[in-house]
Amino acid sequence: MKYKIDRNRETTLDKARYINKILKTNSNVKYTVLGILKDVNKIYPEKRYIIEFLESKNIKITTIRSIKNGKIKDTGDAIKIGDSFLSFGYGKYRVIDEKINLRKGSPFGMKYLIEFDEYNDIKYVKWCDKKEVLNGSIKNPFYPKRYGVGCIGELNSKKNIKIYGIWNEILKRCYDSKSKRYKTYGGSGVKVCDRWLNYSNFYNDYILIKNYDPNKRQDLDKDILQKEIPKNKQVYSPETCILISPQENGREMAERTRQKYFIMQNGTKTFIRNNKSKICQEFNISLYGVNKCFKGEFSNYKGWRFRNLTDAEIKLYKENNNKEIKFDNPL
C-alpha cells in the first residue's frame, strides 16, 4: 500500500510484528495495523504506525505506545474519495484525493483534497483535515457571497481596505435592493462587469487605472466615458471607468443632472425644450413616461419621442436665438 505525502514523494509500509493483526482499543473498538511509515524518523524520532479501524474504515497515524496501552480513538466514519459535503454558506464540495500529512510541526493524520462546485468559472480546490471536511467550515473564496454576485477571489479583503470598500459599495448600489442608492443604480439598470464581480480582479485593475494615486482621495466614475450611453446600459468596468477627484466628480454630477436641451417630436410636431416638468404640464403627459424614454426603456411615450441635443446642436440652437431649427439628425 502506498500513500502520498506533502513533499510530493511516496513512502511505503514496512513489516512489523503488529502488521495485519486485529487489535482492540480500551473501548473495544477493533482495528488492524497496516504498517510503519518509512523515513518518518527523519522528522520525528519515534516510529509512527498506520492503523485502520475495521468498522468505520478510518485510517489513523499513531505510536507504538498508544497501540500497547490501547488509548486510541476512532474519530468517526471514514471519508472516501467521491464523498460530497455541504459547507457552511459556501456551497457543495466533494473529496477528490487523500494523503498522509508528514509535514514537520503539523499533527499526523489524513489530509483530503476537496473540490467545490463551479462558481465564477472556477472549481476551487484545497487540502483540508478531516475535521474541516466533516464540519463544513471550509470557505470557497470564489463563492458569490457579496450580494449574491460578488466573490473575494485569491486576494484577502484586507489587502487594501480602501479599495475593498469601493468594490463593496459599487456592488451594493447595483445589487442590494435595500440600499438607498439602488434605485438610482441597480434599479435603473446599471451593472458591474463579470470581471469586476471578483474582488481580486477589481483590485488588480483598479491600481492600473490612469491617474491612480494611493495617497489621494479619488472617486471611481463611470459616467464621463459613457455620456452618450443610456443609463440602463451603463456598466462599471475597466474600459468605462476613470479616477477623478471628489471636486471633479461633484462638478461633473452637477453638469450631468442639470436639465439639458432636448428635442421632442410627435408626428410633424417638433420642439426644443430644456425643462421636463414644464413640457409635461404643457402637453399633459407624465414625467414617469418621459424619463423612461430618456433612459432608453421606452421608444416613445404617447407618440412623443425624445433625445438630448449634442453640444454642437445646443451651440447652433443658441446662435439662432433659441429659435426652432432643423437638424441633420432629427428623431
Foldseek 3Di string as FASTA:
>chain_A
DWFAEPVRDIWDFDDDPQAPPWAAAPVRFIKGWPGWTPPLCVQPVFIWTWMAGPPQRAIWIDGPVCRVNRPDDDPGHHADFQDKDAADQAAIKGWHDKGWYSDHPDDTDMWTWIWGDDALNDTDIDIDGPVCRVHRHDHDQRGLPQLRQAGAPPDDCVPPVVQSVLLSVVCCLQRPPPDPNVCVANVLQEEEDSQSSHVVSSVVLVCVAPPDDPVADKDKDQCPQQVVAQRNPTYDDSVRIHIDHPVVVVVVVVVSPQFAWKWKDAPPDIDIDRDLVVVCVVVVHDSVQVVCQSNVNDCAGPRMHMDGDDPVVVVVCVVVVNDDDDDPDDD
